[in-house]
Each structure stands twice: as structure tokens, then as C-alpha cells.
């Protein structure tokens, strides 16, 4: 306090209000990504002028950089109280609250007893799952990109294969929403912002989808209201989801309690690039689930992104994760199956610690707005059978492709089978899966 008082007296003589000087210094530190200095300066601003909404708003961002979610929530709730019509705070506060919920979940799991004491799973119990990558069934923004017949029958050719499992997983690339607004685009001509009508969720339920990841770079295309509408739509259809921080999908099959956690390379979802928090979250979820599935949206994009490199990946300057480090870390923490998507092409698969990692399942059903040339139009349905301990037992690649504007069908040529066989051998010569001519997969 004495330091602040002395500084205040000095600045008064120079004509600069002390709280304004601290505010300006804090904002400058934020611009330089110096979270500690920014927090210190903006905390001083709040202490000097508790009613300054701008100081509290920017202090929230400083805490965001530090990963202090309790601090973010406290400051932004005060912003809402001081200025109910602030507007922007409502777009970001739900994400901060979700990240705070994750921290609280991890802390509670580390100190509290399990939520339930479960009976032993009968010997010989298995779980069979079918999983696909990116799904975007058409968008009404910009106009003209919804499929014929309002999407009815879009998944007809692949529906039986999706339903032929005890659990079915998709990555939902974009929101299911009838409102909201996007800040990504002007008129939308050269912009990739997706919004599928909520009624399209029925098509996912009809083909047996049980689990959906909403952790990707299109989840927020039409704002927080659309993200929440997506979650409400999935809940109404009985589809469990994970993506927004704090959301964990939980289902039961064959007496097994199964969790799915969706990760993305941003704090708007469970953050793939925050390995320490990811590990702690998986450990916490693993304590009261028999099987833990990790889904991630990461890696570079496009036809040149077929291989899984050593080290981190970037795309247009954005950090898209070190996927080898992330996948191995979450398996070491208790994950039993890792399902990747994001590059828009299939990638290699490997077995690590008796657990299967699929680094990218590629595009599956992406109508109207995706480049589907070459391997961008090649997809797959991955069938995986796990034992009761989560170990990889057997697997099968069911090759798919997209025709026309993005209608999925089974691929009689089996392009995904041959591609994944090649990539797995090249990228993971010691641990990559062996792929038979019939698409069956096994350990090397």
C-alpha cells in the first residue's frame, strides 16, 4: 500500500492519474503476453479504483493468460455487476466458468472418495465402438449450402455401418443452431463459419450416434449462445458430448462406465496444449470410469498434412499441438483410446501401452463447404474393440469416401485402408498398426 501511495503522489505531480498509469502499463504488458506484469499492474489499478470496469476486464484477461480461472471468473462477474450491459463479457464468461469447473473437478477428485464403488466387471467383457472424424451436414451460412431434401438421406449409405456398434462417435464440426451471429465474416463469401439447423441433429440420432466431440475450431462460429443451443440439442437427442471446458460425456455399456473427453488447441475447449491440466483431468476422470476415451482436434490441415511429425505443428501461425507428446501423456494418465481429427485427411495409427491412437480420422460427412479433392475426400469408420481394462483387442477400417458436394458412402476401392497402412509403417515403424487387405488392424 505504501508503494502504491508513493507512486500515486509521484504521478499526480506529472498529471497522470495513478490508476490510469497502472491500467496503461497493464494493457501494454498484456500485449506483450507478460501475464505476471499485467496482473500486477491491473491489480494495482483495481485497488486504486475499484469501480473501473476496464481495469477489471483486462485483469480478467491477465488471469486468463496465467490460467487463474478463479481470478478470471471473480473479475468478470464483478464487471457484470458494475456494468450489466457490458455485452462482451457474456461471450467469454461461460468458458472461464467451465475452465474453473475443470480445476475444481481435478482438485475434488484428488482429495475425495470415488463417486461410487463399482462391482467388478465380469471377465471377458468387451466394448466395441465405431468412430468417424469431421461431420458437418451442411450450413445455412452463407446461403445455398444445405443438402437436397433438407438433409434427409444424407447419411443413408453409411448409416447401417455407424449403427453396428455398442457406441458410435463423431466429431461435430460446427454448431447445431437456429440463431446466433458470427464475428468471423462479413457477407460470408470467403469465410468458413458453419451453422447447421438444430433439426439436423435428428440425422445423427437416426444413425445411432452416442458420443459427439464439440471441441474444435468451429464450435464458436456463431457465439456462445449457439454453442449452448448445440449442447441443448444434443442433450435432447440423448447424445453425450464433451468440448466446452468442464463437459465430460459419460455413458454405460456392457456394465462399463465410459467417459469421453474432447480436447482442442484452445482454452475455449479442454486445451490440448496445456499438457499438465490435460493429464490431471484424465487422471481425475479415470478414477470413476472403467474406460476413458480422449478425442482431440489438432494438427496442421490439408493434403500436405498426412504425416504426424516429431514435435509441434502450426497452421497459419496457430499452435496446433505436439500430438505425439499429448497422446502418450493422456494414455500414461489413464486414457484407453485416443481419437484424432482436424487435419481433414486420414493419418497413421499406433498402439502405445496396449492402447490404440488414431491420429486423424479425416473428413467423413462435410457437405458443401469443404475441399474434397484427393485424400481430403477420403474417410473411414474406425471399429475398435477394447477389453474391460481398455486394452486394444481388435480393429477394422471401413473405408468411406465423399461424392458430389459431400455425400458419404462406403468406398469399394478402400483408399483409406491402403493409406493408413502406408502412413502407419512410415510414421511409426516400431509401434504403427499392421493393416490387412481387408482393413483389419492389429499390433505390429
Protein backbone atom coordinates (compact mmCIF):
# COMPACT_ATOMS: atom_id res chain seq x y z
CA UNK A 1 0.00 0.00 0.00
CA UNK A 2 2.86 2.40 0.80
CA UNK A 3 4.37 1.71 -2.60
CA UNK A 4 1.07 2.48 -4.33
CA UNK A 5 0.65 5.68 -2.30
CA UNK A 6 4.15 6.86 -3.15
CA UNK A 7 3.58 6.11 -6.81
CA UNK A 8 0.24 7.90 -6.72
CA UNK A 9 1.84 11.05 -5.29
CA UNK A 10 4.59 10.98 -7.91
CA UNK A 11 2.17 10.54 -10.76
CA UNK A 12 -0.16 13.26 -9.53
CA UNK A 13 2.71 15.74 -9.96
CA UNK A 14 3.18 14.55 -13.56
CA UNK A 15 -0.52 14.96 -14.40
CA UNK A 16 -1.21 11.22 -14.95
CA UNK A 17 -3.81 9.64 -12.72
CA UNK A 18 -2.18 6.72 -10.90
CA UNK A 19 -4.93 4.25 -11.76
CA UNK A 20 -4.73 5.25 -15.45
CA UNK A 21 -0.96 4.78 -15.45
CA UNK A 22 -1.35 1.31 -13.99
CA UNK A 23 -4.09 0.50 -16.50
CA UNK A 24 -1.93 1.54 -19.45
CA UNK A 25 1.05 -0.41 -18.14
CA UNK A 26 -1.13 -3.48 -17.63
CA UNK A 27 -2.58 -3.33 -21.13
CA UNK A 28 0.91 -2.94 -22.60
CA UNK A 29 2.09 -6.00 -20.65
CA UNK A 30 -0.93 -7.96 -21.91
CA UNK A 31 0.02 -7.06 -25.47
CA UNK A 32 3.48 -8.47 -24.80
CA UNK A 33 1.96 -11.65 -23.27
CA UNK A 34 3.65 -10.83 -19.93
CA UNK A 35 0.92 -12.19 -17.69
CA UNK A 36 2.69 -11.61 -14.36
CA UNK A 37 3.40 -7.92 -15.01
CA UNK A 38 -0.06 -7.38 -16.49
CA UNK A 39 -1.74 -8.92 -13.46
CA UNK A 40 0.39 -6.89 -11.05
CA UNK A 41 -0.31 -3.58 -12.79
CA UNK A 42 -4.03 -4.20 -13.25
CA UNK A 43 -4.46 -5.45 -9.68
CA UNK A 44 -2.98 -2.11 -8.61
CA UNK A 45 -5.45 -0.31 -10.87
CA UNK A 46 -8.35 -2.15 -9.25
CA UNK A 47 -7.03 -1.39 -5.79
CA UNK A 48 -6.74 2.31 -6.63
CA UNK A 49 -10.06 2.50 -8.48
CA UNK A 50 -12.35 -0.44 -7.58
CA UNK A 51 -15.14 0.84 -9.82
CA UNK A 52 -13.11 0.86 -13.05
CA UNK A 53 -14.72 -1.76 -15.25
CA UNK A 54 -11.94 -1.59 -17.84
CA UNK A 55 -9.30 -2.45 -15.24
CA UNK A 56 -11.29 -5.47 -14.06
CA UNK A 57 -12.00 -6.59 -17.63
CA UNK A 58 -8.32 -6.51 -18.61
CA UNK A 59 -7.30 -8.06 -15.28
CA UNK A 60 -9.54 -10.99 -16.18
CA UNK A 61 -7.53 -11.46 -19.37
CA UNK A 62 -4.28 -11.31 -17.41
CA UNK A 63 -5.58 -14.08 -15.15
CA UNK A 64 -6.69 -15.99 -18.28
CA UNK A 65 -3.09 -15.96 -19.53
CA UNK A 66 -1.95 -17.26 -16.14
CA UNK A 67 -4.59 -19.99 -16.06
CA UNK A 68 -6.07 -18.49 -12.87
CA UNK A 69 -9.69 -19.27 -13.71
CA UNK A 70 -11.00 -18.39 -10.27
CA UNK A 71 -9.49 -14.94 -10.72
CA UNK A 72 -10.99 -14.57 -14.21
CA UNK A 73 -14.47 -15.51 -13.01
CA UNK A 74 -14.28 -13.22 -9.98
CA UNK A 75 -13.26 -10.18 -12.03
CA UNK A 76 -15.71 -10.74 -14.86
CA UNK A 77 -18.64 -11.37 -12.53
CA UNK A 78 -17.80 -8.03 -10.95
CA UNK A 79 -17.75 -6.48 -14.44
CA UNK A 80 -21.29 -7.82 -14.97
CA UNK A 81 -22.38 -6.36 -11.64
CA UNK A 82 -20.85 -2.95 -12.29
CA UNK A 83 -21.94 -2.75 -15.93
CA UNK A 84 -24.86 -5.09 -16.69
CA UNK A 85 -24.91 -4.02 -20.33
CA UNK A 86 -21.20 -4.68 -20.91
CA UNK A 87 -22.07 -7.15 -23.68
CA UNK A 88 -18.73 -8.74 -24.46
CA UNK A 89 -18.28 -10.31 -21.03
CA UNK A 90 -21.17 -12.71 -21.63
CA UNK A 91 -19.34 -14.20 -24.63
CA UNK A 92 -16.32 -15.25 -22.59
CA UNK A 93 -17.52 -15.77 -19.02
CA UNK A 94 -19.06 -19.24 -19.70
CA UNK A 95 -15.71 -20.52 -20.98
CA UNK A 96 -13.93 -19.16 -17.92
CA UNK A 97 -16.51 -20.78 -15.64
CA UNK A 98 -16.03 -24.07 -17.48
CA UNK A 99 -12.27 -23.98 -17.02
CA UNK A 100 -12.78 -23.19 -13.34
CA UNK A 101 -15.08 -26.21 -13.13
CA UNK A 102 -12.30 -28.40 -14.57
CA UNK A 103 -9.86 -27.15 -11.94
CA UNK A 104 -12.39 -27.81 -9.19
CA UNK A 105 -13.15 -31.27 -10.59
CA UNK A 106 -9.48 -32.20 -10.62
CA UNK A 107 -8.97 -30.91 -7.09
CA UNK A 108 -12.03 -32.72 -5.76
CA UNK A 109 -11.04 -35.98 -7.42
CA UNK A 110 -7.58 -35.83 -5.91
CA UNK A 111 -8.88 -35.48 -2.35
CA UNK A 112 -12.34 -37.06 -2.22
CA UNK A 113 -13.56 -40.64 -2.30
CA UNK A 114 -14.90 -42.04 -5.61
CA UNK A 115 -18.45 -41.09 -6.55
CA UNK A 116 -19.40 -44.76 -6.43
CA UNK A 117 -17.94 -48.15 -5.59
CA UNK A 118 -18.47 -50.37 -8.61
CA UNK A 119 -18.73 -54.13 -8.74
CA UNK A 120 -16.02 -55.96 -10.68
CA UNK A 121 -16.65 -56.17 -14.42
CA UNK A 122 -17.29 -59.79 -15.49
CA UNK A 123 -14.31 -61.50 -17.08
CA UNK A 124 -14.43 -61.45 -20.87
CA UNK A 125 -16.42 -58.19 -21.12
CA UNK A 126 -15.58 -56.11 -24.19
CA UNK A 127 -16.68 -52.82 -25.74
CA UNK A 128 -16.97 -52.20 -29.49
CA UNK A 129 -17.02 -48.65 -30.75
CA UNK A 130 -17.25 -47.15 -34.23
CA UNK A 131 -15.81 -43.68 -34.74
CA UNK A 132 -15.61 -41.14 -37.56
CA UNK A 133 -13.91 -37.80 -37.98
CA UNK A 134 -15.34 -34.47 -39.10
CA UNK A 135 -19.10 -34.21 -39.55
CA UNK A 136 -20.77 -31.03 -40.86
CA UNK A 137 -24.08 -31.86 -42.54
CA UNK A 138 -24.49 -28.56 -44.37
CA UNK A 139 -24.62 -24.91 -43.35
CA UNK A 140 -27.19 -22.16 -43.80
CA UNK A 141 -24.40 -19.57 -43.70
CA UNK A 142 -23.76 -18.39 -46.31
CA UNK A 143 -26.95 -19.35 -48.06
CA UNK A 144 -27.02 -22.20 -50.54
CA UNK A 145 -25.03 -24.87 -48.72
CA UNK A 146 -27.74 -27.08 -47.28
CA UNK A 147 -28.09 -30.53 -48.90
CA UNK A 148 -31.03 -31.62 -51.07
CA UNK A 149 -34.22 -32.75 -49.32
CA UNK A 150 -33.14 -30.72 -46.30
CA UNK A 151 -30.51 -33.35 -45.49
CA UNK A 152 -32.88 -36.32 -45.36
CA UNK A 153 -31.00 -39.38 -46.57
CA UNK A 154 -27.58 -37.70 -46.48
CA UNK A 155 -26.22 -40.48 -44.23
CA UNK A 156 -28.33 -43.30 -45.66
CA UNK A 157 -25.45 -45.11 -47.38
CA UNK A 158 -23.30 -45.21 -44.23
CA UNK A 159 -25.99 -45.38 -41.56
CA UNK A 160 -26.02 -49.17 -41.15
CA UNK A 161 -22.25 -49.21 -40.62
CA UNK A 162 -22.46 -46.48 -37.99
CA UNK A 163 -25.20 -48.24 -36.07
CA UNK A 164 -23.41 -51.61 -36.00
CA UNK A 165 -21.61 -50.96 -32.70
CA UNK A 166 -22.23 -50.57 -29.00
CA UNK A 167 -21.07 -46.94 -29.14
CA UNK A 168 -20.75 -44.55 -32.09
CA UNK A 169 -18.61 -41.39 -32.01
CA UNK A 170 -18.44 -38.31 -34.28
CA UNK A 171 -16.60 -35.00 -34.24
CA UNK A 172 -19.29 -32.36 -34.73
CA UNK A 173 -17.55 -29.71 -36.82
CA UNK A 174 -19.62 -26.63 -36.05
CA UNK A 175 -22.77 -25.85 -34.08
CA UNK A 176 -26.34 -27.09 -34.39
CA UNK A 177 -28.15 -23.81 -34.05
CA UNK A 178 -31.04 -21.78 -35.44
CA UNK A 179 -29.83 -18.35 -34.32
CA UNK A 180 -26.69 -16.63 -33.10
CA UNK A 181 -24.41 -14.41 -35.12
CA UNK A 182 -20.86 -14.77 -36.36
CA UNK A 183 -17.99 -12.34 -35.92
CA UNK A 184 -15.76 -14.29 -38.32
CA UNK A 185 -17.20 -12.98 -41.56
CA UNK A 186 -18.67 -10.11 -43.49
CA UNK A 187 -21.07 -11.42 -46.08
CA UNK A 188 -19.59 -14.91 -45.80
CA UNK A 189 -18.35 -15.29 -49.36
CA UNK A 190 -14.81 -16.35 -48.44
CA UNK A 191 -15.32 -17.29 -44.84
CA UNK A 192 -15.64 -20.65 -43.16
CA UNK A 193 -18.24 -20.24 -40.46
CA UNK A 194 -20.64 -23.17 -40.09
CA UNK A 195 -24.15 -23.36 -38.69
CA UNK A 196 -26.29 -26.45 -39.23
CA UNK A 197 -30.00 -26.25 -38.28
CA UNK A 198 -30.86 -27.94 -35.00
CA UNK A 199 -33.22 -30.29 -36.85
CA UNK A 200 -30.14 -31.84 -38.48
CA UNK A 201 -29.28 -33.32 -35.11
CA UNK A 202 -32.06 -35.82 -35.77
CA UNK A 203 -29.98 -37.30 -38.59
CA UNK A 204 -27.17 -38.07 -36.15
CA UNK A 205 -29.55 -39.74 -33.72
CA UNK A 206 -31.12 -41.76 -36.53
CA UNK A 207 -27.78 -43.42 -37.39
CA UNK A 208 -27.03 -44.26 -33.77
CA UNK A 209 -24.58 -41.55 -32.71
CA UNK A 210 -23.96 -41.81 -28.94
CA UNK A 211 -20.93 -39.56 -28.41
CA UNK A 212 -20.04 -36.22 -30.01
CA UNK A 213 -16.96 -34.07 -29.56
CA UNK A 214 -17.71 -30.35 -29.71
CA UNK A 215 -14.07 -29.38 -29.12
CA UNK A 216 -12.87 -27.82 -32.37
CA UNK A 217 -12.18 -24.51 -34.09
CA UNK A 218 -15.77 -24.19 -35.39
CA UNK A 219 -17.62 -24.74 -32.11
CA UNK A 220 -17.80 -20.96 -31.53
CA UNK A 221 -18.56 -19.92 -35.11
CA UNK A 222 -21.85 -18.32 -34.05
CA UNK A 223 -21.04 -17.38 -30.49
CA UNK A 224 -21.66 -18.77 -27.05
CA UNK A 225 -25.44 -18.81 -27.47
CA UNK A 226 -25.12 -21.20 -30.41
CA UNK A 227 -22.69 -23.36 -28.51
CA UNK A 228 -25.18 -23.71 -25.68
CA UNK A 229 -28.00 -24.37 -28.16
CA UNK A 230 -25.88 -27.16 -29.65
CA UNK A 231 -25.45 -28.73 -26.23
CA UNK A 232 -29.17 -28.49 -25.51
CA UNK A 233 -29.94 -30.09 -28.88
CA UNK A 234 -27.57 -33.00 -28.24
CA UNK A 235 -28.94 -33.50 -24.73
CA UNK A 236 -32.46 -33.65 -26.12
CA UNK A 237 -31.38 -36.36 -28.58
CA UNK A 238 -29.61 -38.43 -25.93
CA UNK A 239 -26.17 -37.80 -27.45
CA UNK A 240 -23.47 -37.32 -24.81
CA UNK A 241 -20.92 -34.60 -25.65
CA UNK A 242 -17.65 -33.09 -24.50
CA UNK A 243 -15.83 -29.97 -25.62
CA UNK A 244 -16.56 -26.86 -23.60
CA UNK A 245 -14.34 -26.89 -20.50
CA UNK A 246 -15.94 -28.94 -17.76
CA UNK A 247 -18.12 -31.08 -20.05
CA UNK A 248 -17.39 -34.80 -19.85
CA UNK A 249 -19.51 -37.30 -21.82
CA UNK A 250 -20.46 -40.33 -19.71
CA UNK A 251 -22.39 -43.41 -20.86
CA UNK A 252 -22.74 -47.02 -19.70
CA UNK A 253 -22.41 -50.08 -21.92
CA UNK A 254 -21.99 -53.75 -21.02
CA UNK A 255 -21.68 -52.82 -17.35
CA UNK A 256 -18.78 -50.49 -18.18
CA UNK A 257 -18.80 -46.82 -17.24
CA UNK A 258 -17.34 -44.99 -20.26
CA UNK A 259 -16.13 -41.37 -20.42
CA UNK A 260 -15.18 -39.28 -23.43
CA UNK A 261 -13.22 -36.03 -23.12
CA UNK A 262 -12.92 -33.67 -26.10
CA UNK A 263 -9.75 -31.55 -26.46
CA UNK A 264 -8.84 -28.70 -28.81
CA UNK A 265 -5.84 -26.38 -29.18
CA UNK A 266 -7.54 -23.51 -27.35
CA UNK A 267 -8.85 -22.61 -23.92
CA UNK A 268 -12.34 -22.45 -25.46
CA UNK A 269 -12.22 -26.24 -25.03
CA UNK A 270 -10.22 -28.61 -22.88
CA UNK A 271 -6.83 -27.39 -24.02
CA UNK A 272 -4.64 -29.89 -25.86
CA UNK A 273 -1.64 -27.57 -25.48
CA UNK A 274 -1.91 -27.49 -21.68
CA UNK A 275 -0.50 -30.97 -21.11
CA UNK A 276 -0.33 -30.73 -17.33
CA UNK A 277 -4.02 -29.86 -16.99
CA UNK A 278 -4.97 -32.47 -19.61
CA UNK A 279 -3.12 -35.16 -17.67
CA UNK A 280 -4.71 -34.11 -14.38
CA UNK A 281 -8.19 -34.13 -15.96
CA UNK A 282 -7.74 -37.60 -17.47
CA UNK A 283 -6.44 -38.92 -14.13
CA UNK A 284 -9.47 -37.45 -12.37
CA UNK A 285 -11.99 -38.89 -14.85
CA UNK A 286 -10.24 -42.27 -14.88
CA UNK A 287 -10.81 -42.69 -11.14
CA UNK A 288 -14.54 -43.32 -11.53
CA UNK A 289 -14.77 -44.68 -15.10
CA UNK A 290 -13.81 -48.07 -16.49
CA UNK A 291 -12.96 -46.77 -19.98
CA UNK A 292 -11.71 -43.28 -20.87
CA UNK A 293 -11.77 -42.12 -24.49
CA UNK A 294 -9.86 -38.98 -25.45
CA UNK A 295 -10.85 -37.09 -28.59
CA UNK A 296 -8.62 -34.32 -29.91
CA UNK A 297 -8.87 -31.75 -32.70
CA UNK A 298 -5.32 -30.84 -33.59
CA UNK A 299 -2.51 -30.90 -36.10
CA UNK A 300 -1.92 -29.00 -39.33
CA UNK A 301 -4.57 -29.10 -42.06
CA UNK A 302 -4.78 -30.09 -45.69
CA UNK A 303 -3.46 -32.53 -48.25
CA UNK A 304 0.15 -31.81 -47.17
CA UNK A 305 -0.62 -32.78 -43.54
CA UNK A 306 -0.78 -36.56 -43.98
CA UNK A 307 2.20 -37.31 -41.73
CA UNK A 308 2.45 -36.96 -37.94
CA UNK A 309 5.69 -35.03 -37.41
CA UNK A 310 8.06 -35.12 -34.49
CA UNK A 311 7.45 -32.00 -32.40
CA UNK A 312 4.79 -29.34 -32.61
CA UNK A 313 2.62 -28.40 -35.55
CA UNK A 314 1.40 -24.98 -36.65
CA UNK A 315 -1.21 -23.85 -39.14
CA UNK A 316 -1.33 -20.19 -40.26
CA UNK A 317 0.74 -19.32 -37.20
CA UNK A 318 -1.55 -21.11 -34.74
CA UNK A 319 -0.11 -23.69 -32.35
CA UNK A 320 -1.83 -26.97 -33.32
CA UNK A 321 -0.11 -29.14 -30.74
CA UNK A 322 2.65 -31.70 -30.29
CA UNK A 323 0.41 -34.68 -30.89
CA UNK A 324 2.90 -37.43 -30.06
CA UNK A 325 3.55 -35.86 -26.67
CA UNK A 326 -0.13 -35.22 -25.96
CA UNK A 327 -1.43 -38.65 -26.94
CA UNK A 328 1.23 -40.56 -24.99
CA UNK A 329 0.76 -38.31 -21.96
CA UNK A 330 -3.01 -38.87 -21.75
CA UNK A 331 -2.59 -42.63 -22.15
CA UNK A 332 0.00 -42.63 -19.37
CA UNK A 333 -2.60 -40.75 -17.31
CA UNK A 334 -5.31 -43.37 -17.87
CA UNK A 335 -6.86 -42.87 -21.33
CA UNK A 336 -7.71 -46.12 -23.13
CA UNK A 337 -8.42 -44.93 -26.69
CA UNK A 338 -7.38 -41.72 -28.47
CA UNK A 339 -9.33 -40.49 -31.50
CA UNK A 340 -7.88 -37.62 -33.53
CA UNK A 341 -9.38 -35.31 -36.16
CA UNK A 342 -8.66 -31.87 -37.54
CA UNK A 343 -6.15 -32.32 -40.41
CA UNK A 344 -9.06 -33.21 -42.80
CA UNK A 345 -7.09 -36.22 -44.07
CA UNK A 346 -6.56 -39.66 -42.53
CA UNK A 347 -3.35 -40.18 -40.59
CA UNK A 348 -1.40 -43.05 -39.09
CA UNK A 349 -2.45 -45.23 -36.18
CA UNK A 350 -0.21 -46.71 -33.50
CA UNK A 351 -0.53 -48.86 -30.39
CA UNK A 352 1.07 -47.38 -27.28
CA UNK A 353 0.91 -49.13 -23.90
CA UNK A 354 -1.64 -51.56 -25.40
CA UNK A 355 -3.87 -48.59 -26.30
CA UNK A 356 -4.84 -47.51 -29.81
CA UNK A 357 -4.16 -43.99 -31.09
CA UNK A 358 -5.79 -42.84 -34.36
CA UNK A 359 -4.06 -39.57 -35.23
CA UNK A 360 -6.75 -38.42 -37.67
CA UNK A 361 -9.96 -39.99 -38.92
CA UNK A 362 -10.24 -37.44 -41.74
CA UNK A 363 -13.38 -35.94 -43.27
CA UNK A 364 -16.47 -38.14 -43.02
CA UNK A 365 -19.58 -36.12 -43.90
CA UNK A 366 -18.74 -32.48 -44.69
CA UNK A 367 -21.32 -31.13 -47.08
CA UNK A 368 -20.94 -28.09 -49.25
CA UNK A 369 -18.05 -26.06 -47.86
CA UNK A 370 -15.06 -28.44 -47.83
CA UNK A 371 -12.40 -29.15 -50.42
CA UNK A 372 -12.82 -32.89 -51.06
CA UNK A 373 -10.14 -33.42 -53.68
CA UNK A 374 -7.64 -36.25 -53.29
CA UNK A 375 -7.25 -37.56 -49.76
CA UNK A 376 -9.43 -34.71 -48.43
CA UNK A 377 -12.40 -36.71 -49.71
CA UNK A 378 -11.18 -39.99 -48.17
CA UNK A 379 -12.62 -41.02 -44.82
CA UNK A 380 -13.20 -44.06 -42.68
CA UNK A 381 -15.30 -45.63 -40.00
CA UNK A 382 -12.91 -47.00 -37.39
CA UNK A 383 -14.16 -50.01 -35.46
CA UNK A 384 -12.31 -50.72 -32.22
CA UNK A 385 -12.92 -53.46 -29.67
CA UNK A 386 -11.46 -52.91 -26.21
CA UNK A 387 -11.31 -55.34 -23.32
CA UNK A 388 -12.68 -54.42 -19.91
CA UNK A 389 -9.32 -52.85 -18.95
CA UNK A 390 -9.32 -50.63 -22.03
CA UNK A 391 -6.64 -52.57 -23.90
CA UNK A 392 -6.86 -52.69 -27.69
CA UNK A 393 -8.18 -56.10 -28.75
CA UNK A 394 -9.15 -55.87 -32.43
CA UNK A 395 -9.92 -53.25 -35.02
CA UNK A 396 -11.25 -52.70 -38.50
CA UNK A 397 -11.09 -49.87 -41.03
CA UNK A 398 -14.29 -49.44 -43.03
CA UNK A 399 -13.21 -47.19 -45.90
CA UNK A 400 -15.51 -44.34 -46.93
CA UNK A 401 -15.43 -41.51 -49.42
CA UNK A 402 -17.48 -38.43 -50.17
CA UNK A 403 -19.10 -37.92 -53.54
CA UNK A 404 -20.62 -34.81 -55.08
CA UNK A 405 -20.78 -31.92 -52.65
CA UNK A 406 -20.05 -34.17 -49.68
CA UNK A 407 -22.30 -37.23 -49.51
CA UNK A 408 -20.59 -40.10 -47.66
CA UNK A 409 -20.63 -43.65 -48.93
CA UNK A 410 -18.63 -46.83 -48.39
CA UNK A 411 -15.55 -46.89 -50.62
CA UNK A 412 -15.20 -50.11 -52.64
CA UNK A 413 -11.66 -49.09 -53.58
CA UNK A 414 -10.59 -48.99 -49.91
CA UNK A 415 -8.37 -45.92 -50.30
CA UNK A 416 -8.26 -45.25 -46.55
CA UNK A 417 -7.09 -48.81 -45.86
CA UNK A 418 -4.08 -48.52 -48.15
CA UNK A 419 -3.26 -45.00 -46.99
CA UNK A 420 -3.31 -45.80 -43.27
CA UNK A 421 -1.25 -48.95 -43.84
CA UNK A 422 1.44 -46.85 -45.55
CA UNK A 423 1.39 -43.93 -43.10
CA UNK A 424 1.44 -46.16 -40.00
CA UNK A 425 4.52 -48.01 -41.25
CA UNK A 426 6.32 -44.80 -42.23
CA UNK A 427 5.50 -42.60 -39.23
CA UNK A 428 5.63 -45.28 -36.51
CA UNK A 429 7.93 -48.08 -37.71
CA UNK A 430 8.04 -49.67 -34.26
CA UNK A 431 4.51 -49.11 -32.98
CA UNK A 432 2.33 -48.45 -36.01
CA UNK A 433 -0.60 -50.79 -36.59
CA UNK A 434 -0.49 -53.55 -39.19
CA UNK A 435 -3.35 -53.23 -41.68
CA UNK A 436 -4.63 -56.24 -43.59
CA UNK A 437 -6.01 -56.11 -47.11
CA UNK A 438 -9.50 -56.45 -45.65
CA UNK A 439 -8.97 -53.40 -43.41
CA UNK A 440 -8.41 -55.37 -40.21
CA UNK A 441 -5.85 -53.78 -37.89
CA UNK A 442 -3.60 -55.27 -35.25
CA UNK A 443 -0.40 -54.66 -33.33
CA UNK A 444 2.90 -54.83 -35.16
